[in-house]
N, C-alpha and C. Protein backbone atom coordinates (compact mmCIF):
# COMPACT_ATOMS: atom_id res chain seq x y z
N MET A 1 -26.10 -4.51 11.51
CA MET A 1 -24.92 -4.85 12.57
C MET A 1 -24.88 -6.60 12.86
N LEU A 2 -23.94 -6.93 12.73
CA LEU A 2 -23.35 -8.06 13.35
C LEU A 2 -22.43 -8.21 14.61
N VAL A 3 -22.34 -8.58 15.61
CA VAL A 3 -21.47 -8.47 16.63
C VAL A 3 -20.76 -9.90 16.72
N VAL A 4 -19.47 -10.41 16.84
CA VAL A 4 -19.03 -11.53 16.64
C VAL A 4 -17.91 -11.07 17.89
N ASP A 5 -18.39 -12.22 19.24
CA ASP A 5 -17.35 -11.95 20.04
C ASP A 5 -17.58 -13.23 21.08
N ASP A 6 -16.63 -14.37 21.70
CA ASP A 6 -16.88 -15.20 21.66
C ASP A 6 -17.17 -15.36 23.95
N ASN A 7 -16.98 -14.11 24.39
CA ASN A 7 -17.40 -13.64 25.42
C ASN A 7 -18.84 -13.31 25.87
N GLU A 8 -19.97 -13.77 25.66
CA GLU A 8 -21.14 -13.52 25.91
C GLU A 8 -21.72 -12.18 26.48
N ASP A 9 -20.58 -11.80 27.78
CA ASP A 9 -21.12 -10.62 28.00
C ASP A 9 -20.71 -9.28 27.38
N ASN A 10 -19.56 -9.54 26.49
CA ASN A 10 -19.26 -8.09 25.29
C ASN A 10 -20.55 -8.24 24.32
N ARG A 11 -20.69 -9.36 23.56
CA ARG A 11 -21.91 -9.64 22.80
C ARG A 11 -22.86 -8.99 23.45
N GLU A 12 -23.15 -9.19 24.38
CA GLU A 12 -24.82 -8.67 24.82
C GLU A 12 -24.25 -7.46 25.20
N ILE A 13 -23.48 -6.59 25.50
CA ILE A 13 -22.73 -5.43 25.76
C ILE A 13 -23.00 -4.55 24.44
N TYR A 14 -22.48 -5.00 23.42
CA TYR A 14 -22.60 -4.03 22.30
C TYR A 14 -23.83 -4.16 21.80
N ALA A 15 -24.75 -5.50 21.58
CA ALA A 15 -25.19 -5.61 20.96
C ALA A 15 -26.69 -4.81 21.42
N THR A 16 -26.81 -4.38 23.42
CA THR A 16 -27.50 -4.20 23.44
C THR A 16 -27.79 -2.29 23.15
N MET A 17 -26.37 -1.95 23.61
CA MET A 17 -25.69 -0.85 22.88
C MET A 17 -26.42 -0.28 21.62
N LEU A 18 -26.24 -1.31 20.73
CA LEU A 18 -26.36 -0.77 19.21
C LEU A 18 -28.05 -1.16 19.21
N ARG A 19 -28.55 -2.10 19.79
CA ARG A 19 -29.94 -1.88 19.35
C ARG A 19 -30.53 -0.95 20.14
N HIS A 20 -30.50 -0.39 21.39
CA HIS A 20 -30.62 0.77 21.67
C HIS A 20 -30.19 2.38 20.83
N ALA A 21 -29.48 1.96 20.32
CA ALA A 21 -29.13 3.38 18.90
C ALA A 21 -30.08 2.99 17.99
N GLY A 22 -30.71 1.79 17.48
CA GLY A 22 -31.71 1.83 16.68
C GLY A 22 -31.03 1.14 15.60
N PHE A 23 -30.12 -0.02 16.03
CA PHE A 23 -29.83 -0.97 14.56
C PHE A 23 -30.53 -2.12 14.88
N GLU A 24 -30.67 -2.87 14.03
CA GLU A 24 -30.63 -4.59 13.93
C GLU A 24 -29.75 -4.62 14.02
N VAL A 25 -29.45 -5.98 15.00
CA VAL A 25 -28.40 -6.57 15.20
C VAL A 25 -28.52 -7.87 15.79
N GLU A 26 -27.80 -9.24 14.83
CA GLU A 26 -27.44 -10.44 14.99
C GLU A 26 -26.30 -10.70 15.74
N VAL A 27 -25.66 -11.81 16.54
CA VAL A 27 -24.81 -12.11 17.17
C VAL A 27 -24.40 -13.37 16.47
N ALA A 28 -22.57 -13.39 16.80
CA ALA A 28 -22.26 -15.18 16.92
C ALA A 28 -20.96 -15.02 17.90
N CYS A 29 -20.74 -16.51 18.18
CA CYS A 29 -20.17 -16.60 19.22
C CYS A 29 -18.54 -17.04 18.89
N ASP A 30 -18.33 -17.15 17.32
CA ASP A 30 -17.06 -17.52 16.64
C ASP A 30 -17.35 -17.05 15.43
N GLY A 31 -15.91 -17.12 14.83
CA GLY A 31 -16.01 -17.27 13.57
C GLY A 31 -16.62 -17.45 12.37
N GLU A 32 -17.01 -19.11 12.35
CA GLU A 32 -17.75 -20.29 11.74
C GLU A 32 -19.49 -19.38 12.11
N GLU A 33 -19.45 -19.49 12.94
CA GLU A 33 -21.24 -18.86 13.19
C GLU A 33 -21.44 -17.32 12.80
N ALA A 34 -20.31 -16.97 12.77
CA ALA A 34 -20.31 -15.46 12.03
C ALA A 34 -20.37 -15.74 10.70
N LEU A 35 -19.92 -16.62 9.95
CA LEU A 35 -19.80 -16.44 8.30
C LEU A 35 -21.23 -17.11 8.13
N ALA A 36 -21.79 -18.02 8.70
CA ALA A 36 -23.33 -18.31 8.56
C ALA A 36 -24.14 -17.35 8.93
N VAL A 37 -24.01 -16.72 9.58
CA VAL A 37 -25.39 -15.12 10.25
C VAL A 37 -25.19 -14.19 9.23
N ALA A 38 -23.55 -13.90 8.96
CA ALA A 38 -23.53 -13.38 7.64
C ALA A 38 -23.88 -12.93 6.18
N ARG A 39 -23.83 -14.44 6.08
CA ARG A 39 -24.64 -15.08 4.64
C ARG A 39 -26.14 -14.55 4.76
N ARG A 40 -26.55 -15.14 5.62
CA ARG A 40 -27.99 -15.00 5.63
C ARG A 40 -28.80 -13.56 5.99
N PHE A 41 -27.73 -12.42 6.49
CA PHE A 41 -28.13 -11.56 7.22
C PHE A 41 -27.71 -10.70 6.51
N LEU A 42 -26.71 -10.58 5.98
CA LEU A 42 -25.89 -9.74 4.60
C LEU A 42 -25.71 -8.12 5.61
N PRO A 43 -24.97 -8.15 7.21
CA PRO A 43 -24.72 -6.90 7.76
C PRO A 43 -24.04 -5.86 7.18
N GLU A 44 -24.45 -4.17 7.04
CA GLU A 44 -23.36 -3.51 6.51
C GLU A 44 -22.06 -3.42 7.53
N VAL A 45 -22.21 -3.72 8.81
CA VAL A 45 -21.33 -3.40 9.39
C VAL A 45 -21.07 -5.01 10.80
N VAL A 46 -19.92 -5.38 10.91
CA VAL A 46 -19.18 -6.31 11.12
C VAL A 46 -18.39 -5.74 12.72
N ILE A 47 -18.72 -6.21 13.90
CA ILE A 47 -17.99 -5.67 14.69
C ILE A 47 -17.27 -7.07 15.05
N MET A 48 -15.94 -7.52 14.98
CA MET A 48 -15.26 -8.65 15.43
C MET A 48 -14.33 -8.53 16.33
N ASP A 49 -14.29 -10.07 16.96
CA ASP A 49 -13.47 -10.30 17.82
C ASP A 49 -12.20 -10.78 17.39
N LEU A 50 -11.10 -10.93 17.30
CA LEU A 50 -9.95 -11.51 16.75
C LEU A 50 -9.58 -13.01 17.75
N GLY A 51 -9.63 -13.11 19.06
CA GLY A 51 -9.11 -14.21 19.51
C GLY A 51 -10.63 -14.91 19.91
N MET A 52 -10.79 -16.20 19.23
CA MET A 52 -11.79 -16.67 19.09
C MET A 52 -11.80 -18.08 19.13
N PRO A 53 -12.90 -19.17 19.32
CA PRO A 53 -12.21 -20.75 19.43
C PRO A 53 -13.31 -20.86 17.78
N VAL A 54 -12.85 -22.30 17.47
CA VAL A 54 -13.39 -22.63 15.98
C VAL A 54 -13.10 -21.99 15.24
N MET A 55 -13.06 -20.80 14.80
CA MET A 55 -12.67 -20.03 13.71
C MET A 55 -11.98 -18.24 14.29
N ASP A 56 -11.01 -17.92 14.08
CA ASP A 56 -10.72 -16.82 14.64
C ASP A 56 -10.78 -15.56 13.75
N GLY A 57 -11.20 -14.64 14.30
CA GLY A 57 -11.49 -12.99 14.16
C GLY A 57 -10.63 -13.19 12.37
N TRP A 58 -9.16 -13.12 12.58
CA TRP A 58 -8.48 -13.14 11.29
C TRP A 58 -8.97 -13.64 10.05
N GLU A 59 -9.06 -15.32 10.22
CA GLU A 59 -9.65 -16.06 9.36
C GLU A 59 -10.98 -15.81 8.93
N ALA A 60 -11.73 -15.35 9.86
CA ALA A 60 -13.41 -14.76 9.28
C ALA A 60 -13.43 -13.41 8.92
N ILE A 61 -12.21 -12.87 9.12
CA ILE A 61 -12.44 -11.39 8.36
C ILE A 61 -12.45 -11.63 6.57
N LYS A 62 -11.04 -12.66 6.57
CA LYS A 62 -10.79 -13.23 4.84
C LYS A 62 -11.80 -13.93 4.16
N ALA A 63 -12.10 -14.70 5.06
CA ALA A 63 -13.69 -15.10 4.59
C ALA A 63 -14.83 -14.48 4.07
N LEU A 64 -15.21 -13.62 5.10
CA LEU A 64 -15.97 -12.54 4.71
C LEU A 64 -16.00 -11.44 3.19
N ARG A 65 -14.40 -11.52 3.65
CA ARG A 65 -14.13 -10.45 2.12
C ARG A 65 -14.09 -11.32 1.06
N ALA A 66 -13.91 -12.53 0.82
CA ALA A 66 -14.03 -13.61 0.06
C ALA A 66 -15.12 -13.89 -0.59
N ASP A 67 -16.16 -13.61 0.22
CA ASP A 67 -17.52 -14.08 -0.19
C ASP A 67 -18.40 -12.52 -0.88
N PRO A 68 -18.68 -13.35 -2.18
CA PRO A 68 -19.28 -12.07 -2.82
C PRO A 68 -20.38 -11.21 -2.27
N ASP A 69 -21.39 -11.95 -1.34
CA ASP A 69 -22.71 -11.52 -0.63
C ASP A 69 -22.30 -10.92 0.55
N THR A 70 -20.89 -10.97 1.17
CA THR A 70 -20.84 -10.07 2.56
C THR A 70 -19.10 -9.31 2.75
N LYS A 71 -18.36 -9.56 1.03
CA LYS A 71 -17.15 -8.67 1.34
C LYS A 71 -17.32 -7.29 1.28
N HIS A 72 -18.72 -6.57 0.92
CA HIS A 72 -18.65 -5.25 1.03
C HIS A 72 -19.33 -4.74 2.66
N ALA A 73 -19.33 -5.70 3.78
CA ALA A 73 -19.71 -5.18 4.69
C ALA A 73 -18.26 -4.26 5.87
N TYR A 74 -18.37 -3.24 6.86
CA TYR A 74 -17.43 -2.75 6.82
C TYR A 74 -17.22 -3.42 8.26
N VAL A 75 -15.74 -4.00 8.12
CA VAL A 75 -15.56 -4.64 9.56
C VAL A 75 -14.96 -3.65 10.47
N VAL A 76 -15.17 -3.80 11.75
CA VAL A 76 -14.59 -3.40 13.03
C VAL A 76 -14.04 -4.20 13.82
N VAL A 77 -12.81 -4.29 13.65
CA VAL A 77 -12.30 -5.01 14.90
C VAL A 77 -12.49 -4.39 16.24
N VAL A 78 -12.89 -5.38 17.18
CA VAL A 78 -12.76 -4.93 18.80
C VAL A 78 -11.78 -5.62 19.29
N SER A 79 -11.11 -5.46 19.66
CA SER A 79 -10.21 -6.66 20.65
C SER A 79 -8.96 -6.36 21.20
N GLY A 80 -8.94 -7.09 22.09
CA GLY A 80 -8.14 -7.24 23.27
C GLY A 80 -6.52 -7.15 22.92
N PHE A 81 -6.34 -8.15 21.68
CA PHE A 81 -5.19 -8.11 20.96
C PHE A 81 -4.92 -6.80 20.44
N ALA A 82 -4.58 -6.20 20.95
CA ALA A 82 -3.97 -4.28 20.04
C ALA A 82 -2.80 -4.00 19.85
N ASP A 83 -1.65 -5.44 20.19
CA ASP A 83 -0.21 -4.84 19.43
C ASP A 83 0.35 -5.08 18.29
N SER A 84 0.93 -4.47 17.56
CA SER A 84 1.38 -3.72 16.58
C SER A 84 1.41 -5.42 15.29
N ARG A 85 1.27 -6.34 15.65
CA ARG A 85 1.21 -7.66 14.86
C ARG A 85 0.05 -8.07 14.80
N SER A 86 -1.00 -7.96 15.75
CA SER A 86 -2.09 -8.43 15.79
C SER A 86 -3.07 -7.48 15.01
N ARG A 87 -2.61 -6.05 14.79
CA ARG A 87 -3.43 -5.01 14.17
C ARG A 87 -3.12 -5.54 12.76
N ALA A 88 -1.68 -5.09 12.26
CA ALA A 88 -1.14 -5.22 11.18
C ALA A 88 -1.86 -6.82 10.31
N ARG A 89 -1.97 -8.05 11.13
CA ARG A 89 -2.68 -8.86 10.87
C ARG A 89 -4.22 -8.85 10.05
N ALA A 90 -4.90 -7.60 11.25
CA ALA A 90 -6.41 -7.49 11.26
C ALA A 90 -6.28 -6.82 10.09
N THR A 91 -5.23 -5.63 9.67
CA THR A 91 -5.78 -5.11 8.22
C THR A 91 -5.48 -6.05 7.15
N GLU A 92 -4.57 -6.65 6.98
CA GLU A 92 -4.00 -7.68 6.21
C GLU A 92 -5.14 -8.76 5.82
N ALA A 93 -5.90 -8.86 6.95
CA ALA A 93 -6.85 -9.71 6.83
C ALA A 93 -8.05 -9.18 5.72
N GLY A 94 -8.10 -8.08 6.07
CA GLY A 94 -9.19 -6.79 5.06
C GLY A 94 -10.16 -6.07 6.64
N CYS A 95 -9.66 -6.25 7.24
CA CYS A 95 -10.40 -5.23 8.58
C CYS A 95 -10.41 -3.49 8.23
N ASP A 96 -11.49 -2.71 8.18
CA ASP A 96 -11.52 -1.20 8.03
C ASP A 96 -10.84 -0.54 9.32
N GLU A 97 -11.47 -1.16 10.43
CA GLU A 97 -11.21 -0.32 11.46
C GLU A 97 -11.01 -1.06 12.34
N PHE A 98 -10.14 -0.87 13.34
CA PHE A 98 -9.47 -1.77 14.67
C PHE A 98 -9.69 -0.75 15.65
N LEU A 99 -10.41 -1.16 17.04
CA LEU A 99 -10.48 -0.33 18.59
C LEU A 99 -9.91 -1.58 19.23
N ALA A 100 -9.41 -0.96 20.47
CA ALA A 100 -8.59 -1.81 21.60
C ALA A 100 -10.13 -1.91 22.67
N LYS A 101 -10.09 -2.96 22.67
CA LYS A 101 -10.64 -3.52 24.50
C LYS A 101 -10.13 -2.71 25.21
N PRO A 102 -10.73 -2.51 26.69
CA PRO A 102 -12.06 -2.02 26.56
C PRO A 102 -12.04 -0.68 25.51
N CYS A 103 -13.41 -0.19 24.56
CA CYS A 103 -13.39 0.66 23.54
C CYS A 103 -14.88 1.19 24.43
N LEU A 104 -15.25 2.31 24.40
CA LEU A 104 -16.34 3.32 24.86
C LEU A 104 -17.33 2.84 23.79
N PRO A 105 -18.22 2.66 24.09
CA PRO A 105 -19.75 2.69 23.56
C PRO A 105 -19.53 4.08 22.40
N ARG A 106 -19.41 5.09 23.26
CA ARG A 106 -19.03 6.22 22.05
C ARG A 106 -18.04 6.17 20.84
N ASP A 107 -17.29 5.65 21.26
CA ASP A 107 -15.81 5.41 20.07
C ASP A 107 -16.43 4.57 19.02
N LEU A 108 -17.12 3.36 19.78
CA LEU A 108 -17.47 2.43 18.79
C LEU A 108 -18.91 3.01 18.13
N THR A 109 -19.41 3.72 18.75
CA THR A 109 -21.20 4.23 18.16
C THR A 109 -19.98 5.19 16.43
N ALA A 110 -18.99 6.25 16.87
CA ALA A 110 -18.81 7.33 15.93
C ALA A 110 -17.99 6.35 14.75
N VAL A 111 -17.36 5.20 15.15
CA VAL A 111 -17.27 4.32 13.87
C VAL A 111 -18.12 4.16 13.30
N ILE A 112 -19.15 2.93 13.92
CA ILE A 112 -20.47 2.85 12.84
C ILE A 112 -20.74 4.30 12.41
N THR A 113 -21.13 5.38 12.56
CA THR A 113 -21.66 6.16 11.81
C THR A 113 -20.90 6.63 10.84
N ARG A 114 -19.60 6.80 10.94
CA ARG A 114 -18.56 6.84 9.75
C ARG A 114 -18.60 6.00 8.55
N ALA A 115 -18.85 4.46 9.47
CA ALA A 115 -18.91 2.98 8.25
C ALA A 115 -20.47 3.54 7.65
N LEU A 116 -21.23 3.93 8.23
CA LEU A 116 -22.74 4.06 7.24
C LEU A 116 -22.51 5.30 6.86
N ASP A 117 -22.14 6.21 7.17
CA ASP A 117 -21.89 7.26 6.31
C ASP A 117 -21.45 7.17 4.79
N ARG A 118 -20.39 6.25 4.47
CA ARG A 118 -19.66 6.01 3.62
C ARG A 118 -20.56 5.83 2.64
């Protein structure tokens, strides 16, 4: 798993929860760092925030999809930008699933389980 969020608390909460569930987890604080980590780590699932500095989540998703090594990752957007326009932009960028913040750990775990079962 790769957890991408500019908020350190969010990164650590999601990463800790996922590690506790038995997943290997890497973290990144913005889209640019996410691309570097994803190219090295090749995650099966990426948990992506949208509103971040340096490179936002929409651009990072597009870049993940454009890279042959990362294009198959299942991208779950977890964002406070939950309006219909933000959701549509995330879908157009290539996200597979969208959860609005705050999301419950069981909801995120359920989405990840479905992603890994595909």
